[in-house]
Protein backbone atom coordinates (compact mmCIF):
# COMPACT_ATOMS: atom_id res chain seq x y z
CA MET A 1 0.00 0.00 0.00
CA GLY A 2 2.86 2.36 0.85
CA GLY A 3 4.44 1.62 -2.53
CA ILE A 4 1.22 2.46 -4.37
CA MET A 5 0.90 5.78 -2.51
CA THR A 6 4.53 6.61 -3.24
CA GLY A 7 3.96 5.92 -6.92
CA LYS A 8 0.91 8.18 -7.01
CA VAL A 9 2.84 10.97 -5.33
CA LEU A 10 5.66 10.63 -7.87
CA ILE A 11 3.22 10.74 -10.78
CA GLN A 12 1.50 13.83 -9.33
CA ARG A 13 4.85 15.54 -8.87
CA ARG A 14 5.81 14.82 -12.49
CA VAL A 15 2.50 16.19 -13.77
CA LEU A 16 2.90 19.29 -11.59
CA CYS A 17 6.46 19.84 -12.81
CA ARG A 18 5.41 19.50 -16.45
CA GLY A 19 2.61 21.99 -15.86
CA LEU A 20 5.01 24.45 -14.30
CA LEU A 21 7.47 24.06 -17.18
CA CYS A 22 4.70 24.62 -19.72
CA ALA A 23 3.56 27.74 -17.88
CA LEU A 24 7.09 29.08 -17.44
CA PRO A 25 7.35 31.00 -20.75
CA VAL A 26 3.99 32.63 -20.14
CA GLY A 27 4.99 33.49 -16.60
CA LEU A 28 8.28 34.97 -17.74
CA ALA A 29 6.50 37.09 -20.32
CA GLY A 30 4.13 38.28 -17.63
CA CYS A 31 7.02 39.09 -15.32
CA ALA A 32 8.76 40.99 -18.12
CA SER A 33 5.67 43.13 -18.66
CA LEU A 34 5.52 43.86 -14.93
CA LEU A 35 9.07 45.25 -15.12
CA VAL A 36 7.98 47.91 -17.64
CA PRO A 37 5.89 50.84 -16.34
CA PRO A 38 2.53 51.46 -18.08
CA THR A 39 3.82 54.79 -19.41
CA LEU A 40 7.12 56.38 -20.39
CA ARG A 41 7.51 59.88 -18.93
CA TRP A 42 9.71 62.90 -19.66
CA ARG A 43 9.69 65.97 -17.43
CA GLU A 44 10.11 69.51 -18.78
CA GLU A 45 13.75 69.55 -17.69
CA GLU A 46 14.48 66.38 -19.66
CA LEU A 47 12.73 67.72 -22.77
CA ASN A 48 14.74 70.94 -22.58
CA GLN A 49 17.97 68.97 -22.38
CA LEU A 50 17.00 66.87 -25.39
CA LEU A 51 16.08 69.93 -27.46
CA ALA A 52 19.19 71.90 -26.49
CA SER A 53 21.39 69.32 -28.23
CA ARG A 54 19.72 70.12 -31.59
CA PHE A 55 20.19 73.89 -31.52
CA PRO A 56 21.17 76.43 -32.75
CA GLN A 57 19.87 75.94 -36.28
CA GLU A 58 20.43 78.25 -39.25
CA ARG A 59 18.57 78.62 -42.55
CA GLN A 60 19.05 80.96 -45.52
CA VAL A 61 16.02 82.46 -47.25
CA LEU A 62 16.30 83.32 -50.95
CA GLY A 63 19.88 84.38 -50.39
CA LEU A 64 18.58 87.53 -48.68
CA TRP A 65 18.11 86.50 -45.06
CA LEU A 66 19.93 84.35 -42.54
CA LEU A 67 17.63 82.99 -39.84
CA THR A 68 19.04 81.55 -36.61
CA VAL A 69 16.92 79.91 -33.88
CA SER A 70 18.44 78.88 -30.55
CA ALA A 71 17.93 78.39 -26.81
CA PRO A 72 14.62 76.47 -26.85
CA GLN A 73 12.60 76.42 -23.63
CA VAL A 74 9.66 74.01 -23.37
CA GLN A 75 6.42 74.44 -21.42
CA LEU A 76 3.86 71.63 -21.10
CA LEU A 77 0.27 72.73 -21.82
CA GLY A 78 -1.68 69.90 -20.23
CA ASP A 79 -5.10 71.50 -20.68
CA GLN A 80 -4.50 71.86 -24.44
CA GLN A 81 -2.51 68.65 -24.97
CA GLN A 82 0.20 70.74 -26.59
CA LEU A 83 3.78 71.84 -26.18
CA ARG A 84 4.78 75.52 -26.01
CA THR A 85 8.32 76.39 -27.05
CA ALA A 86 10.08 79.74 -26.68
CA LEU A 87 13.06 80.31 -28.99
CA ARG A 88 15.70 82.98 -29.38
CA LEU A 89 15.43 84.35 -32.91
CA SER A 90 17.94 86.20 -35.07
CA VAL A 91 17.24 87.52 -38.58
CA ALA A 92 20.14 89.04 -40.52
CA GLU A 93 20.27 90.63 -43.96
CA ARG A 94 22.68 88.91 -46.33
CA GLN A 95 22.99 92.03 -48.48
CA GLY A 96 22.93 95.77 -47.98
CA ASP A 97 24.23 96.99 -44.64
CA GLY A 98 23.81 93.56 -43.02
CA ARG A 99 21.23 94.67 -40.51
CA ARG A 100 20.37 92.16 -37.80
CA TRP A 101 17.28 91.76 -35.61
CA GLN A 102 17.32 89.84 -32.33
CA GLY A 103 14.28 88.71 -30.41
CA GLU A 104 12.08 85.88 -29.26
CA MET A 105 9.50 83.62 -30.85
CA VAL A 106 6.83 81.54 -29.08
CA LEU A 107 5.16 78.63 -30.83
CA ASP A 108 2.69 75.88 -29.93
CA SER A 109 2.57 72.37 -31.36
CA ALA A 110 0.78 69.07 -31.01
CA LEU A 111 2.71 65.79 -30.88
CA ARG A 112 2.63 62.44 -32.65
CA TYR A 113 4.51 59.15 -32.36
CA GLN A 114 6.35 57.83 -35.44
CA PRO A 115 6.70 54.00 -35.17
CA SER A 116 9.17 53.64 -38.06
CA ASP A 117 12.00 55.37 -36.17
CA GLN A 118 10.45 55.39 -32.67
CA THR A 119 10.42 59.16 -32.31
CA VAL A 120 7.98 61.68 -30.86
CA ARG A 121 7.56 64.51 -33.39
CA LEU A 122 6.09 68.00 -33.50
CA ARG A 123 2.99 68.56 -35.62
CA ARG A 124 0.70 71.48 -36.40
CA VAL A 125 3.43 73.95 -35.43
CA THR A 126 1.93 77.43 -35.07
CA VAL A 127 3.82 80.59 -34.16
CA GLN A 128 1.93 82.51 -31.46
CA SER A 129 4.12 85.60 -31.15
CA VAL A 130 7.29 87.19 -32.52
CA ARG A 131 9.19 90.04 -30.90
CA LEU A 132 12.27 91.56 -32.53
CA GLU A 133 14.36 94.25 -30.81
CA ARG A 134 14.52 97.15 -33.24
CA ASP A 135 12.44 100.15 -34.28
CA GLN A 136 9.31 99.20 -36.14
CA GLY A 137 9.42 99.56 -39.89
CA GLY A 138 8.64 97.89 -43.20
CA VAL A 139 11.86 95.87 -43.25
CA LEU A 140 11.30 94.68 -39.69
CA MET A 141 7.75 93.57 -40.46
CA GLN A 142 9.06 91.65 -43.45
CA ALA A 143 11.70 90.01 -41.25
CA GLN A 144 9.00 88.94 -38.79
CA ARG A 145 6.91 87.37 -41.54
CA VAL A 146 9.93 85.57 -42.97
CA GLY A 147 10.90 84.30 -39.53
CA THR A 148 7.39 83.06 -38.78
CA LEU A 149 6.95 81.14 -42.02
CA LEU A 150 10.42 79.64 -41.96
CA VAL A 151 10.34 78.49 -38.34
CA GLU A 152 6.95 76.82 -38.82
CA LYS A 153 8.32 74.99 -41.85
CA LEU A 154 11.60 74.18 -40.10
CA LEU A 155 10.01 72.64 -37.01
CA GLU A 156 6.97 70.92 -38.57
CA ASP A 157 7.43 67.15 -38.07
CA ALA A 158 10.79 67.74 -36.34
CA PRO A 159 11.77 65.02 -33.82
CA LEU A 160 11.41 66.03 -30.19
CA LEU A 161 12.83 62.81 -28.76
CA LYS A 162 13.74 59.26 -29.74
CA LEU A 163 13.40 56.12 -27.62
CA SER A 164 16.79 54.86 -26.50
CA GLU A 165 18.04 51.44 -27.61
CA GLN A 166 17.63 50.22 -24.03
CA GLN A 167 14.01 51.35 -23.97
CA GLN A 168 13.33 49.71 -27.34
CA VAL A 169 14.77 46.37 -26.15
CA ARG A 170 12.79 46.43 -22.89
CA LEU A 171 9.52 47.17 -24.67
CA ALA A 172 10.14 44.43 -27.25
CA ARG A 173 10.86 41.85 -24.54
CA ALA A 174 7.72 42.86 -22.66
CA GLY A 175 5.58 42.61 -25.79
CA VAL A 176 4.38 46.23 -25.63
CA GLU A 177 4.72 49.29 -27.84
CA PRO A 178 3.99 53.04 -27.58
CA GLY A 179 0.38 54.10 -28.02
CA GLU A 180 -1.29 57.37 -27.05
CA ILE A 181 0.64 60.55 -26.22
CA ARG A 182 -0.57 62.57 -23.24
CA VAL A 183 0.62 65.99 -22.10
CA THR A 184 0.18 66.65 -18.38
CA PRO A 185 1.27 69.69 -16.33
CA ASP A 186 4.15 67.59 -14.98
CA ALA A 187 5.36 65.45 -17.87
CA LEU A 188 5.00 64.22 -21.41
CA GLU A 189 3.63 60.67 -21.22
CA LEU A 190 3.71 57.89 -23.81
CA THR A 191 1.28 55.12 -22.89
CA LEU A 192 2.22 51.50 -23.62
CA VAL A 193 -0.15 49.01 -25.26
CA PRO A 194 0.19 45.32 -26.27
CA ARG A 195 2.31 44.92 -29.38
CA ARG A 196 0.30 44.33 -32.54
CA ALA A 197 0.94 41.13 -34.48
CA THR A 198 2.91 41.64 -37.70
């Protein structure tokens, strides 16, 4: 009788072990997903550091103007789900007496995620205000219009940030991918959703 009971116990243990082994990959996948937070977050300070590495930027316009934008400062507009960016702006004549105008530009933009290169990009860039430090005049007004149009074109669809290789590997192992973008007063958030089958 003792031998029969011992045999039953051994069989039950083998079945239990096989069940655990079968469930192990699923369990590991579940554990991997638990190691990844439900959202990726970037504070204003982090966004400013990321943007600073991409500036200053210069563009020539029709051989007549040299536009320089620099020193970006980001503000999160949680109630509008947008990003506000203040930039230092310089517009210089390429001909004539080489007059130069210095000032500041403020623009708002929405955001989108680009899966092909895993970047968060600006979209619907709209200049809200331009202020150049010089007496008002026809040439100055023209410089403001040129600066507005060129900066909107320059920054439309520009990358704000890119997921690091470490982040990409962690998300792939956890079986998740970026989904919705949310702007809060404290941070830019990228929600994570189950990876779609390819």
